[in-house]
Amino acid sequence: MRVEIEGVTVTLGGRDVVRDASLVVEPGEIIGLVGPNGSGKSSLLRTLYRAVRPSAGAVRVGGDDMLTLSTREAARRVAVMLQDPSTEFDLDVYETVLLGRGPHHATFGRDTAEDVAIVEEAMRRTEVDDLADRMVATLSGGQRQRVMLARALAQRSPVLVLDEPSNHLDISHQHDLMSTVRGLGRTVVAALHDLNLAAQYCDRVVVLAAGRVVAHGAPGVVLTPDLVRTTFAIDVQVLGDPPVFAFRPLARAAGTPDRITVPRAESTHP
């Protein structure tokens, strides 16, 4: 399903955190939103699932303005996996994943055999089926992330929004998750901190800085050393295609150690 973001501005606390952003995501395409902390990635994502109302512009999914749809219809079109899922509700893993079927039921509708099959498949794909009876509040951060992805998959919405999906995950599960997302065939918009994950799994990247889209296109074309240095304030060496990035801090004084560092995939802030 096609996603269109047209001239979107988001104003929070009297400040424009997103400014006149426009983007078209074609059906089945995976788009990665990248940028430094405070660049507006998560705020832009939130307009897609109506957690934030744009102060200007429009967000259309399947040709319809999301703000004109009912809550149920909006959820049928867009599923979301948040970076810090709430664990306040006292549910086990199976019950949590089953919540993803809610938009497909009438009020107080009963779960069907199809619902059960979809939930079990989603749990297998995210490797949480062995945790079915565990309470979500007792899980590690990485396990909760995989449960929240399972719930989003169970929703079976054609558009999937991911806000820092690799948050709390170890390297193996980061790649397992992105590989799973890659194989879904759905339209995906994901906010990512890790440029290497974005380059490997996204069809295009959209670079934001200070709330504005400053570049977009194929990772190997857009994520040049100059752009990374200017946008992220870090030196980088780019290798291969798709690109692989090796980072090191910008030299700030004579004698700065020449050490290669890696991006902090566990960061929890956009």
Protein backbone atom coordinates (compact mmCIF):
# COMPACT_ATOMS: atom_id res chain seq x y z
CA MET A 1 0.00 0.00 0.00
CA ARG A 2 1.33 3.42 -0.98
CA VAL A 3 2.26 6.00 1.65
CA GLU A 4 2.33 9.72 0.84
CA ILE A 5 3.66 12.36 3.21
CA GLU A 6 2.95 15.79 1.77
CA GLY A 7 4.45 18.97 3.24
CA VAL A 8 4.14 17.74 6.82
CA THR A 9 5.09 20.06 9.66
CA VAL A 10 4.87 18.92 13.29
CA THR A 11 4.81 21.55 16.03
CA LEU A 12 5.41 20.47 19.63
CA GLY A 13 5.76 22.88 22.53
CA GLY A 14 5.65 25.82 20.15
CA ARG A 15 8.60 24.52 18.13
CA ASP A 16 8.60 22.94 14.67
CA VAL A 17 10.27 19.55 15.18
CA VAL A 18 9.45 18.50 11.60
CA ARG A 19 9.37 21.10 8.82
CA ASP A 20 7.67 20.69 5.45
CA ALA A 21 8.62 17.02 5.03
CA SER A 22 7.49 15.21 1.88
CA LEU A 23 8.01 11.55 1.01
CA VAL A 24 6.39 8.87 -1.12
CA VAL A 25 6.82 5.20 -0.21
CA GLU A 26 5.79 2.76 -2.91
CA PRO A 27 4.03 -0.54 -2.08
CA GLY A 28 6.49 -3.11 -0.76
CA GLU A 29 9.31 -0.59 -0.37
CA ILE A 30 11.42 -0.36 2.80
CA ILE A 31 12.40 3.19 3.75
CA GLY A 32 14.84 4.02 6.53
CA LEU A 33 14.65 7.37 8.30
CA VAL A 34 18.11 8.28 9.60
CA GLY A 35 19.49 11.33 11.32
CA PRO A 36 21.06 12.52 14.56
CA ASN A 37 19.24 12.76 17.88
CA GLY A 38 16.46 15.34 17.71
CA SER A 39 16.30 15.36 13.93
CA GLY A 40 12.55 14.58 13.85
CA LYS A 41 12.57 10.91 12.84
CA SER A 42 10.17 9.65 15.50
CA SER A 43 7.92 12.70 15.28
CA LEU A 44 7.51 12.16 11.54
CA LEU A 45 6.79 8.46 12.09
CA ARG A 46 4.11 9.29 14.65
CA THR A 47 2.10 11.13 12.04
CA LEU A 48 1.81 7.85 10.14
CA TYR A 49 -0.07 6.11 12.93
CA ARG A 50 -1.90 9.22 14.19
CA ALA A 51 -0.06 9.53 17.51
CA VAL A 52 0.78 13.10 16.42
CA ARG A 53 -1.39 15.36 14.31
CA PRO A 54 0.49 17.43 11.72
CA SER A 55 0.17 21.18 12.13
CA ALA A 56 0.42 21.41 8.33
CA GLY A 57 0.39 18.97 5.44
CA ALA A 58 -1.20 15.55 5.09
CA VAL A 59 -0.37 11.86 5.48
CA ARG A 60 -2.13 9.51 3.06
CA VAL A 61 -2.12 5.72 3.12
CA GLY A 62 -3.80 3.92 0.26
CA GLY A 63 -4.89 7.30 -1.10
CA ASP A 64 -6.84 8.34 2.02
CA ASP A 65 -5.88 10.97 4.57
CA MET A 66 -5.20 9.04 7.78
CA LEU A 67 -7.06 11.64 9.83
CA THR A 68 -10.30 10.91 7.95
CA LEU A 69 -10.26 7.18 8.76
CA SER A 70 -11.85 5.49 11.75
CA THR A 71 -9.48 4.19 14.42
CA ARG A 72 -10.19 0.62 13.36
CA GLU A 73 -9.61 1.29 9.66
CA ALA A 74 -6.41 3.22 10.36
CA ALA A 75 -5.08 0.24 12.36
CA ARG A 76 -6.01 -2.11 9.55
CA ARG A 77 -3.78 -0.11 7.24
CA VAL A 78 -0.84 0.73 9.54
CA ALA A 79 0.76 -1.40 12.26
CA VAL A 80 3.44 0.03 14.54
CA MET A 81 6.30 -1.31 16.62
CA LEU A 82 7.46 1.26 19.17
CA GLN A 83 11.01 1.56 20.53
CA ASP A 84 9.89 1.52 24.19
CA PRO A 85 6.78 -0.66 24.44
CA SER A 86 4.68 -0.27 27.55
CA THR A 87 4.66 -3.21 29.95
CA GLU A 88 2.06 -1.75 32.28
CA PHE A 89 -0.61 -4.19 31.16
CA ASP A 90 -0.61 -7.53 32.95
CA LEU A 91 -0.63 -9.86 29.95
CA ASP A 92 1.38 -12.85 28.87
CA VAL A 93 3.16 -13.01 25.52
CA TYR A 94 0.41 -14.89 23.69
CA GLU A 95 -2.29 -12.47 24.88
CA THR A 96 -0.10 -9.50 23.91
CA VAL A 97 0.46 -10.78 20.37
CA LEU A 98 -3.25 -11.58 20.08
CA LEU A 99 -3.98 -7.86 20.61
CA GLY A 100 -2.73 -7.39 17.06
CA ARG A 101 -5.90 -9.07 15.79
CA GLY A 102 -8.13 -6.46 17.47
CA PRO A 103 -8.63 -4.20 14.40
CA HIS A 104 -10.08 -7.16 12.48
CA HIS A 105 -12.80 -7.94 15.04
CA ALA A 106 -16.16 -6.41 15.73
CA THR A 107 -16.52 -5.08 19.26
CA PHE A 108 -16.35 -8.04 21.67
CA GLY A 109 -15.80 -10.37 18.72
CA ARG A 110 -14.44 -13.82 19.52
CA ASP A 111 -11.03 -15.03 18.40
CA THR A 112 -11.21 -17.41 15.46
CA ALA A 113 -9.09 -20.35 14.39
CA GLU A 114 -7.58 -18.01 11.77
CA ASP A 115 -6.61 -15.53 14.49
CA VAL A 116 -4.88 -18.29 16.45
CA ALA A 117 -2.99 -19.50 13.38
CA ILE A 118 -1.85 -15.94 12.51
CA VAL A 119 -0.69 -15.29 16.08
CA GLU A 120 1.22 -18.57 16.26
CA GLU A 121 2.92 -17.88 12.92
CA ALA A 122 3.92 -14.37 14.05
CA MET A 123 5.39 -15.77 17.26
CA ARG A 124 7.38 -18.38 15.37
CA ARG A 125 8.76 -15.81 12.92
CA THR A 126 9.99 -13.63 15.77
CA GLU A 127 11.21 -16.57 17.88
CA VAL A 128 9.01 -15.86 20.89
CA ASP A 129 6.79 -18.94 20.64
CA ASP A 130 8.67 -20.54 23.52
CA LEU A 131 7.76 -17.51 25.67
CA ALA A 132 4.00 -17.77 25.09
CA ASP A 133 3.09 -18.19 28.77
CA ARG A 134 5.59 -15.66 30.15
CA MET A 135 4.33 -12.31 31.43
CA VAL A 136 5.60 -9.49 29.21
CA ALA A 137 6.72 -7.47 32.23
CA THR A 138 9.21 -10.24 33.16
CA LEU A 139 10.98 -10.26 29.80
CA SER A 140 14.27 -8.64 28.86
CA GLY A 141 14.23 -5.55 26.66
CA GLY A 142 15.22 -7.55 23.61
CA GLN A 143 12.55 -10.17 24.21
CA ARG A 144 9.90 -7.46 24.57
CA GLN A 145 11.02 -5.94 21.27
CA ARG A 146 10.47 -9.26 19.52
CA VAL A 147 7.05 -9.66 21.16
CA MET A 148 6.04 -6.20 19.94
CA LEU A 149 7.16 -7.10 16.42
CA ALA A 150 5.10 -10.30 16.63
CA ARG A 151 2.06 -8.23 17.63
CA ALA A 152 2.61 -5.89 14.69
CA LEU A 153 2.96 -8.86 12.31
CA ALA A 154 -0.23 -10.42 13.67
CA GLN A 155 -2.05 -7.22 12.79
CA ARG A 156 -1.48 -8.08 9.09
CA SER A 157 -1.58 -4.41 8.09
CA PRO A 158 -0.06 -3.63 4.67
CA VAL A 159 2.04 -0.80 6.13
CA LEU A 160 4.47 -1.39 8.99
CA VAL A 161 6.01 1.45 11.00
CA LEU A 162 9.11 0.67 13.08
CA ASP A 163 10.54 3.14 15.59
CA GLU A 164 14.10 2.04 16.41
CA PRO A 165 13.29 -1.68 15.95
CA SER A 166 16.82 -2.78 16.86
CA ASN A 167 16.63 -1.10 20.26
CA HIS A 168 17.72 -3.54 23.04
CA LEU A 169 18.54 -6.30 20.55
CA ASP A 170 21.90 -8.03 20.27
CA ILE A 171 23.61 -8.10 16.88
CA SER A 172 22.20 -11.47 15.87
CA HIS A 173 18.62 -10.52 16.66
CA GLN A 174 19.03 -7.11 15.01
CA HIS A 175 19.77 -8.84 11.72
CA ASP A 176 17.14 -11.54 12.30
CA LEU A 177 14.53 -8.84 12.83
CA MET A 178 15.50 -6.79 9.79
CA SER A 179 15.74 -9.91 7.65
CA THR A 180 12.24 -10.90 8.77
CA VAL A 181 10.94 -7.43 7.92
CA ARG A 182 12.72 -7.58 4.55
CA GLY A 183 10.88 -10.81 3.70
CA LEU A 184 7.38 -9.58 4.53
CA GLY A 185 6.68 -7.84 1.25
CA ARG A 186 4.98 -4.98 3.11
CA THR A 187 5.48 -1.26 2.87
CA VAL A 188 7.84 -0.39 5.73
CA VAL A 189 8.94 2.94 7.19
CA ALA A 190 11.56 2.58 9.91
CA ALA A 191 13.50 5.04 12.04
CA LEU A 192 17.02 3.66 12.44
CA HIS A 193 20.14 4.81 14.28
CA ASP A 194 22.45 2.19 12.79
CA LEU A 195 23.53 3.27 9.29
CA ASN A 196 24.88 -0.21 8.54
CA LEU A 197 21.46 -1.78 9.17
CA ALA A 198 19.81 0.94 7.09
CA ALA A 199 22.22 0.41 4.21
CA GLN A 200 21.86 -3.37 4.22
CA TYR A 201 18.09 -3.70 4.53
CA CYS A 202 16.48 -0.51 3.20
CA ASP A 203 15.66 0.23 -0.44
CA ARG A 204 16.05 3.95 0.25
CA VAL A 205 17.11 6.14 3.13
CA VAL A 206 15.73 9.55 4.06
CA VAL A 207 18.17 11.73 5.99
CA LEU A 208 16.71 14.26 8.42
CA ALA A 209 18.50 17.07 10.22
CA ALA A 210 16.89 19.76 12.38
CA GLY A 211 13.46 18.55 11.30
CA ARG A 212 14.07 18.81 7.56
CA VAL A 213 14.67 16.20 4.87
CA VAL A 214 18.18 16.94 3.64
CA ALA A 215 18.71 13.93 1.33
CA HIS A 216 16.96 10.81 0.12
CA GLY A 217 17.72 7.95 -2.23
CA ALA A 218 19.58 4.64 -2.40
CA PRO A 219 21.90 4.15 0.61
CA GLY A 220 25.00 3.78 -1.54
CA VAL A 221 24.25 7.06 -3.31
CA VAL A 222 23.05 9.18 -0.38
CA LEU A 223 25.24 8.13 2.54
CA THR A 224 28.49 9.65 1.34
CA PRO A 225 31.37 10.45 3.70
CA ASP A 226 30.69 14.17 3.32
CA LEU A 227 27.01 13.84 4.17
CA VAL A 228 27.67 11.56 7.16
CA ARG A 229 30.39 13.88 8.45
CA THR A 230 28.21 16.97 8.08
CA THR A 231 24.98 15.46 9.41
CA PHE A 232 26.26 13.19 12.18
CA ALA A 233 29.49 15.02 13.15
CA ILE A 234 31.59 11.89 12.81
CA ASP A 235 34.29 10.73 10.41
CA VAL A 236 33.51 7.66 8.35
CA GLN A 237 35.12 5.30 5.90
CA VAL A 238 32.70 3.74 3.42
CA LEU A 239 33.45 0.28 2.06
CA GLY A 240 31.68 -1.88 -0.51
CA ASP A 241 28.22 -1.89 -2.05
CA PRO A 242 25.84 -1.96 -0.26
CA PRO A 243 28.00 0.32 1.85
CA VAL A 244 29.54 -0.68 5.16
CA PHE A 245 30.54 2.16 7.47
CA ALA A 246 33.51 2.34 9.83
CA PHE A 247 33.30 5.32 12.15
CA ARG A 248 35.74 7.36 14.19
CA PRO A 249 35.28 10.61 16.11
CA LEU A 250 36.14 13.87 14.43
CA ALA A 251 39.60 15.07 15.48
CA ARG A 252 39.08 17.87 18.00
CA ALA A 253 42.68 18.42 19.08
CA ALA A 254 46.18 17.28 18.27
CA GLY A 255 46.86 13.84 19.63
CA THR A 256 43.25 12.61 19.42
CA PRO A 257 43.42 8.77 19.43
CA ASP A 258 42.78 7.29 16.00
CA ARG A 259 40.27 4.69 17.12
CA ILE A 260 37.48 3.15 15.09
CA THR A 261 34.13 3.21 16.90
CA VAL A 262 30.78 1.68 16.10
CA PRO A 263 27.29 3.22 16.17
CA ARG A 264 25.36 2.75 19.42
CA ALA A 265 22.46 0.60 18.21
CA GLU A 266 21.08 0.46 21.74
CA SER A 267 20.35 4.20 21.89
CA THR A 268 16.74 4.83 22.84
CA HIS A 269 16.34 8.40 21.65
CA PRO A 270 15.59 9.49 18.03
